[in-house]
N, C-alpha and C. Protein backbone atom coordinates (compact mmCIF):
# COMPACT_ATOMS: atom_id res chain seq x y z
N MET A 1 -10.45 -4.86 -2.53
CA MET A 1 -9.43 -4.51 -3.10
C MET A 1 -8.68 -5.65 -1.61
N ASP A 2 -8.58 -6.54 -1.17
CA ASP A 2 -7.51 -6.95 0.35
C ASP A 2 -6.46 -6.19 0.23
N ASN A 3 -6.07 -6.30 1.66
CA ASN A 3 -5.29 -5.87 2.62
C ASN A 3 -4.20 -6.13 2.14
N LEU A 4 -3.65 -7.68 1.50
CA LEU A 4 -2.79 -8.06 1.21
C LEU A 4 -1.94 -7.54 0.45
N LEU A 5 -3.08 -7.06 -1.15
CA LEU A 5 -2.78 -6.45 -2.18
C LEU A 5 -2.93 -5.65 -2.11
N LYS A 6 -2.90 -4.63 -0.89
CA LYS A 6 -2.94 -3.16 -1.12
C LYS A 6 -0.97 -3.03 -0.46
N LEU A 7 -0.88 -3.65 0.25
CA LEU A 7 0.00 -3.56 1.04
C LEU A 7 1.44 -4.19 0.01
N GLN A 8 1.11 -4.67 -0.46
CA GLN A 8 2.36 -5.42 -1.73
C GLN A 8 2.46 -4.30 -3.08
N ILE A 9 1.59 -3.20 -3.45
CA ILE A 9 1.79 -2.44 -4.38
C ILE A 9 1.91 -1.67 -3.68
N HIS A 10 1.73 -0.82 -2.50
CA HIS A 10 2.26 -0.10 -1.48
C HIS A 10 3.90 0.11 -1.20
N GLN A 11 3.86 -1.42 -0.93
CA GLN A 11 5.36 -1.90 -0.59
C GLN A 11 6.32 -1.58 -1.93
N LEU A 12 5.68 -1.77 -2.56
CA LEU A 12 6.20 -1.72 -4.89
C LEU A 12 6.45 0.14 -5.00
N VAL A 13 5.41 1.14 -4.45
CA VAL A 13 6.00 2.50 -4.94
C VAL A 13 6.87 2.67 -3.40
N GLN A 14 7.30 1.85 -2.01
CA GLN A 14 8.13 2.70 -1.39
C GLN A 14 9.13 2.11 -2.10
N ASP A 15 9.46 0.67 -2.72
CA ASP A 15 10.88 0.51 -3.10
C ASP A 15 11.45 1.43 -4.08
N PHE A 16 10.04 1.66 -4.86
CA PHE A 16 10.46 2.25 -6.28
C PHE A 16 10.96 3.70 -5.69
N LEU A 17 10.60 4.61 -4.63
CA LEU A 17 11.27 5.64 -3.92
C LEU A 17 11.65 5.50 -3.79
N HIS A 18 12.73 4.56 -2.75
CA HIS A 18 14.26 4.27 -2.36
C HIS A 18 14.60 4.26 -3.21
N ARG A 19 14.94 3.46 -4.01
CA ARG A 19 15.46 3.31 -5.36
C ARG A 19 15.93 4.89 -5.99
N MET A 20 14.84 5.68 -6.02
CA MET A 20 14.91 6.87 -6.55
C MET A 20 16.17 7.80 -5.48
N ASN A 21 16.12 7.15 -4.37
CA ASN A 21 16.66 7.91 -3.17
C ASN A 21 17.81 8.07 -3.08
N GLN A 22 18.32 6.43 -3.61
CA GLN A 22 19.31 5.83 -3.75
C GLN A 22 20.31 6.20 -5.08
N ASN A 23 19.57 6.63 -6.01
CA ASN A 23 20.11 7.54 -7.63
C ASN A 23 20.58 5.81 -7.94
N ASP A 24 19.69 4.76 -7.25
CA ASP A 24 19.77 3.17 -8.05
C ASP A 24 19.31 2.74 -9.87
N SER A 25 20.27 3.56 -10.79
CA SER A 25 20.09 3.51 -11.78
C SER A 25 19.47 2.14 -12.27
N TYR A 26 20.84 1.45 -11.57
CA TYR A 26 20.86 -0.30 -12.24
C TYR A 26 19.00 -0.90 -11.54
N GLY A 27 18.60 -0.81 -10.13
CA GLY A 27 17.38 -1.02 -9.89
C GLY A 27 16.28 -0.85 -10.80
N LEU A 28 16.21 0.53 -11.20
CA LEU A 28 15.01 1.27 -11.52
C LEU A 28 15.40 0.61 -12.99
N LEU A 29 15.99 0.25 -13.27
CA LEU A 29 16.14 -0.28 -14.99
C LEU A 29 15.68 -1.10 -15.01
N LYS A 30 16.15 -2.03 -13.90
CA LYS A 30 16.25 -3.09 -14.25
C LYS A 30 14.31 -3.78 -13.44
N TYR A 31 13.87 -3.39 -12.18
CA TYR A 31 13.02 -4.24 -11.69
C TYR A 31 11.89 -3.36 -11.62
N ASN A 32 11.89 -2.06 -12.67
CA ASN A 32 11.11 -1.16 -12.81
C ASN A 32 10.70 -0.59 -14.17
N GLN A 33 11.56 -1.49 -14.88
CA GLN A 33 11.69 -1.51 -16.69
C GLN A 33 11.45 -0.20 -17.65
N VAL A 34 11.88 0.80 -16.32
CA VAL A 34 12.28 2.52 -17.09
C VAL A 34 13.43 2.51 -18.03
N THR A 35 12.68 3.08 -19.31
CA THR A 35 14.53 3.39 -19.53
C THR A 35 15.15 4.31 -19.43
N THR A 36 16.71 4.80 -20.16
CA THR A 36 17.85 5.99 -19.72
C THR A 36 16.83 6.88 -19.92
N ALA A 37 16.43 7.42 -21.20
CA ALA A 37 14.96 8.73 -20.68
C ALA A 37 14.33 9.05 -19.81
N MET A 38 13.11 7.89 -19.63
CA MET A 38 12.55 8.09 -18.73
C MET A 38 13.25 8.36 -17.44
N LEU A 39 14.38 7.81 -16.97
CA LEU A 39 14.61 8.21 -16.05
C LEU A 39 15.74 9.64 -15.94
N GLU A 40 16.44 10.15 -16.85
CA GLU A 40 16.73 11.41 -16.60
C GLU A 40 15.68 12.48 -16.35
N GLU A 41 14.24 11.63 -16.72
CA GLU A 41 12.91 12.53 -17.44
C GLU A 41 12.93 13.64 -15.47
N LEU A 42 12.82 11.41 -14.81
CA LEU A 42 12.06 11.35 -13.47
C LEU A 42 13.10 12.46 -12.68
N TYR A 43 14.51 11.51 -12.43
CA TYR A 43 15.44 12.92 -12.29
C TYR A 43 15.66 13.99 -12.19
N GLU A 44 15.55 14.69 -13.29
CA GLU A 44 15.36 15.94 -13.92
C GLU A 44 14.60 16.73 -12.95
N GLU A 45 12.66 16.14 -12.78
CA GLU A 45 11.55 16.54 -12.62
C GLU A 45 11.58 16.40 -10.83
N LEU A 46 12.68 15.55 -10.24
CA LEU A 46 13.36 15.51 -8.85
C LEU A 46 13.86 17.22 -8.71
N ASN A 47 14.88 17.03 -9.24
CA ASN A 47 16.34 18.28 -9.19
C ASN A 47 15.32 19.58 -9.15
N ASP A 48 14.25 20.20 -10.48
CA ASP A 48 13.91 21.13 -10.19
C ASP A 48 12.96 21.47 -9.23
N SER A 49 12.41 20.22 -8.94
CA SER A 49 11.32 20.60 -7.90
C SER A 49 12.31 20.83 -6.09
N PHE A 50 13.22 19.95 -6.06
CA PHE A 50 13.96 19.88 -4.47
C PHE A 50 15.01 20.23 -4.10
N GLU A 51 15.45 20.92 -5.56
CA GLU A 51 16.69 21.10 -5.90
C GLU A 51 18.08 20.19 -5.81
N ASN A 52 17.63 18.81 -5.97
CA ASN A 52 18.47 17.94 -5.45
C ASN A 52 19.22 17.48 -3.73
N ASN A 53 17.98 17.93 -3.19
CA ASN A 53 17.75 17.73 -1.71
C ASN A 53 16.68 17.03 -1.30
N HIS A 54 16.28 15.18 -1.50
CA HIS A 54 15.21 14.98 -1.62
C HIS A 54 15.54 13.23 -0.86
N GLN A 55 14.90 12.96 0.21
CA GLN A 55 14.65 11.72 0.61
C GLN A 55 13.01 10.92 0.43
N LEU A 56 12.25 11.06 -0.55
CA LEU A 56 10.89 10.29 -0.98
C LEU A 56 10.61 9.47 0.07
N SER A 57 9.47 9.65 0.47
CA SER A 57 8.89 8.45 0.37
C SER A 57 7.21 8.60 0.57
N ILE A 58 6.36 7.77 0.97
CA ILE A 58 4.81 7.63 0.78
C ILE A 58 4.09 7.57 2.31
N ILE A 59 3.06 7.78 2.37
CA ILE A 59 2.38 7.62 3.40
C ILE A 59 2.33 6.53 4.10
N PRO A 60 2.61 5.99 5.41
CA PRO A 60 3.20 5.13 6.12
C PRO A 60 1.85 4.13 5.87
N PHE A 61 1.64 3.08 5.59
CA PHE A 61 0.20 2.09 5.04
C PHE A 61 -0.26 2.18 6.93
N ASP A 62 0.53 2.01 7.63
CA ASP A 62 -0.52 1.96 8.86
C ASP A 62 -1.17 2.71 8.81
N GLU A 63 -0.84 3.72 8.21
CA GLU A 63 -1.47 5.41 8.52
C GLU A 63 -2.52 5.56 7.27
N LEU A 64 -2.95 5.01 6.64
CA LEU A 64 -3.81 5.10 5.45
C LEU A 64 -5.63 5.64 5.93
N PRO A 65 -5.77 6.27 5.79
CA PRO A 65 -7.63 5.77 6.16
C PRO A 65 -7.84 5.40 5.04
N GLU A 66 -9.25 4.86 6.28
CA GLU A 66 -9.60 3.52 5.47
C GLU A 66 -10.71 4.40 4.52
N ILE A 67 -11.36 5.65 4.76
CA ILE A 67 -12.18 5.80 3.75
C ILE A 67 -10.96 6.79 3.36
N MET A 68 -10.63 7.39 1.79
CA MET A 68 -9.56 8.26 1.15
C MET A 68 -9.88 9.63 1.33
N PRO A 69 -9.49 10.73 1.66
CA PRO A 69 -10.08 12.01 1.16
C PRO A 69 -10.22 12.44 0.08
N LYS A 70 -11.01 12.75 -0.83
CA LYS A 70 -11.43 13.56 -2.10
C LYS A 70 -10.49 14.54 -2.42
N ASN A 71 -10.11 14.63 -3.88
CA ASN A 71 -8.60 15.22 -4.19
C ASN A 71 -7.50 15.15 -3.77
N ILE A 72 -7.26 14.34 -2.92
CA ILE A 72 -5.90 14.05 -2.61
C ILE A 72 -5.78 12.81 -2.37
N PRO A 73 -4.65 12.22 -3.15
CA PRO A 73 -4.55 11.32 -3.25
C PRO A 73 -3.41 10.69 -2.52
N LEU A 74 -3.72 10.64 -1.38
CA LEU A 74 -3.13 10.24 -0.23
C LEU A 74 -2.20 8.75 -0.91
N PHE A 75 -2.84 7.56 -1.38
CA PHE A 75 -2.34 6.88 -1.94
C PHE A 75 -4.00 5.78 -2.35
N ASN A 76 -4.08 6.09 -3.81
CA ASN A 76 -4.84 5.41 -4.34
C ASN A 76 -4.96 3.85 -5.78
N ILE A 77 -5.49 2.93 -5.66
CA ILE A 77 -5.27 2.29 -6.19
C ILE A 77 -6.77 1.49 -7.18
N GLU A 78 -6.43 1.89 -8.47
CA GLU A 78 -7.57 1.64 -9.84
C GLU A 78 -6.93 0.33 -9.87
N VAL A 79 -8.39 -0.49 -10.33
CA VAL A 79 -8.39 -2.13 -10.72
C VAL A 79 -8.37 -1.21 -12.64
N MET A 80 -7.93 -1.89 -13.32
CA MET A 80 -8.08 -1.74 -15.20
C MET A 80 -8.52 -3.11 -15.24
N ASP A 81 -9.58 -3.06 -16.50
CA ASP A 81 -9.81 -4.10 -17.26
C ASP A 81 -9.32 -4.94 -17.28
N ASP A 82 -7.79 -5.07 -17.51
CA ASP A 82 -7.40 -5.68 -18.10
C ASP A 82 -6.70 -6.80 -16.20
N GLY A 83 -6.85 -6.47 -15.50
CA GLY A 83 -6.24 -6.68 -14.27
C GLY A 83 -5.04 -6.61 -13.46
N ASP A 84 -4.88 -5.24 -14.50
CA ASP A 84 -3.64 -4.39 -13.42
C ASP A 84 -4.28 -2.96 -13.00
N PHE A 85 -3.10 -2.44 -12.12
CA PHE A 85 -3.52 -1.46 -11.70
C PHE A 85 -2.80 0.19 -12.09
N ILE A 86 -3.31 0.93 -11.77
CA ILE A 86 -3.09 1.91 -11.50
C ILE A 86 -2.96 2.26 -10.27
N THR A 87 -1.26 3.41 -9.68
CA THR A 87 -1.93 3.94 -8.42
C THR A 87 -1.11 5.47 -8.79
N GLU A 88 -2.22 6.52 -7.76
CA GLU A 88 -1.53 7.24 -7.53
C GLU A 88 -1.00 7.72 -6.02
N SER A 89 0.49 8.53 -5.62
CA SER A 89 0.05 9.04 -4.50
C SER A 89 0.89 10.28 -4.60
N ASN A 90 0.57 10.75 -3.16
CA ASN A 90 1.22 12.21 -3.09
C ASN A 90 2.73 11.68 -2.54
N VAL A 91 3.18 12.33 -2.81
CA VAL A 91 4.63 12.24 -2.57
C VAL A 91 4.99 13.02 -1.57
N TYR A 92 6.49 12.72 -0.02
CA TYR A 92 6.42 12.57 0.59
C TYR A 92 7.91 13.39 0.68
N ASN A 93 8.44 14.16 0.86
CA ASN A 93 9.78 14.24 1.30
C ASN A 93 10.25 14.92 2.66
N PHE A 94 11.31 14.47 3.39
CA PHE A 94 11.85 14.24 4.52
C PHE A 94 10.44 14.03 5.35
N GLY A 95 9.69 13.22 4.67
CA GLY A 95 8.70 13.14 6.03
C GLY A 95 7.55 13.94 5.98
N LYS A 96 7.74 14.86 5.12
CA LYS A 96 6.01 15.79 4.66
C LYS A 96 5.40 16.03 3.14
N ARG A 97 4.29 15.53 3.46
CA ARG A 97 3.75 15.53 2.26
C ARG A 97 3.69 16.75 1.13
N THR A 98 4.39 16.28 -0.21
CA THR A 98 4.28 17.70 -0.90
C THR A 98 2.67 18.04 -1.87
N ASP A 99 2.61 18.06 -2.80
CA ASP A 99 2.21 18.56 -3.73
C ASP A 99 2.40 17.63 -5.06
N LEU A 100 3.39 16.99 -4.86
CA LEU A 100 4.21 15.69 -6.38
C LEU A 100 3.47 15.14 -5.89
N LYS A 101 2.87 14.34 -7.00
CA LYS A 101 2.38 12.78 -7.54
C LYS A 101 3.04 12.40 -8.09
N LEU A 102 2.89 11.43 -7.51
CA LEU A 102 3.53 9.99 -8.47
C LEU A 102 2.32 8.84 -9.07
N GLN A 103 2.53 8.87 -10.44
CA GLN A 103 1.37 7.43 -10.60
C GLN A 103 2.54 6.60 -11.54
N ALA A 104 1.95 5.78 -11.64
CA ALA A 104 2.20 4.48 -12.22
C ALA A 104 1.46 3.05 -12.51
N TYR A 105 2.01 2.81 -12.51
CA TYR A 105 1.25 1.10 -13.69
C TYR A 105 1.79 0.13 -12.70
N ILE A 106 0.94 -0.99 -12.39
CA ILE A 106 1.54 -1.95 -11.91
C ILE A 106 0.79 -3.44 -12.33
N ILE A 107 2.14 -3.97 -12.72
CA ILE A 107 1.32 -5.26 -13.85
C ILE A 107 1.48 -6.32 -13.10
N LYS A 108 1.19 -7.22 -13.67
CA LYS A 108 1.81 -8.64 -13.17
C LYS A 108 2.34 -9.42 -14.35
N LYS A 109 3.17 -10.45 -14.06
CA LYS A 109 4.08 -10.98 -15.35
C LYS A 109 4.81 -12.04 -14.49
N ASN A 110 4.19 -13.21 -14.91
CA ASN A 110 4.64 -14.43 -13.95
C ASN A 110 4.86 -14.55 -12.32
N SER A 111 3.31 -13.92 -12.23
CA SER A 111 2.91 -13.83 -10.72
C SER A 111 3.54 -13.22 -9.96
N VAL A 112 4.39 -11.91 -10.76
CA VAL A 112 4.88 -11.39 -9.69
C VAL A 112 4.13 -9.66 -10.33
N LEU A 113 3.86 -9.27 -9.53
CA LEU A 113 3.53 -7.64 -9.51
C LEU A 113 4.72 -6.87 -9.84
N ILE A 114 4.34 -5.51 -10.53
CA ILE A 114 6.03 -4.70 -10.74
C ILE A 114 5.18 -3.96 -11.19
N LEU A 115 6.40 -2.41 -10.70
CA LEU A 115 5.54 -1.53 -10.62
C LEU A 115 6.59 -0.61 -11.86
N VAL A 116 6.01 0.11 -12.94
CA VAL A 116 6.27 0.10 -14.12
C VAL A 116 5.61 2.04 -15.05
N ASP A 117 6.77 2.31 -15.47
CA ASP A 117 5.74 3.83 -15.89
C ASP A 117 5.38 4.69 -15.05
N PRO A 118 6.64 4.71 -13.84
CA PRO A 118 6.32 5.25 -12.89
C PRO A 118 6.03 7.09 -13.62
N LEU A 119 5.92 8.08 -13.16
CA LEU A 119 5.64 9.32 -14.26
C LEU A 119 5.51 10.53 -12.75
N PHE A 120 6.56 11.46 -12.03
CA PHE A 120 6.34 12.55 -11.65
C PHE A 120 5.03 13.56 -12.45
N ARG A 121 4.14 14.22 -10.90
CA ARG A 121 3.23 15.11 -11.36
C ARG A 121 3.70 16.21 -10.47
N TRP A 122 2.73 17.82 -10.66
CA TRP A 122 2.16 18.47 -10.03
C TRP A 122 0.97 18.48 -9.59
């Protein structure tokens, strides 16, 4: 996978987390195609995990190692058979890595990449 595509996917994940930090329900519904029920579940997980005190991010793109460590999904991308992607990333809170992971699909719609079906998990 080329670096430009990795950078685009990295930016989609960062944009999603920024919307979560801003409680931007409108942006999440519009740009990430989440449902209201999904939003409630995402916010509930964050509130339970960080007691409503979070500033989420992922590892900066320029700090990504060339070879990813095993069992630590700093920023992993898998290509699916249909050409879409699944990404899994360790979530940082206030700049520190946590055990929380973000999984999401990256789909191409009208030649535009979109992050959909986000899920936080431990």
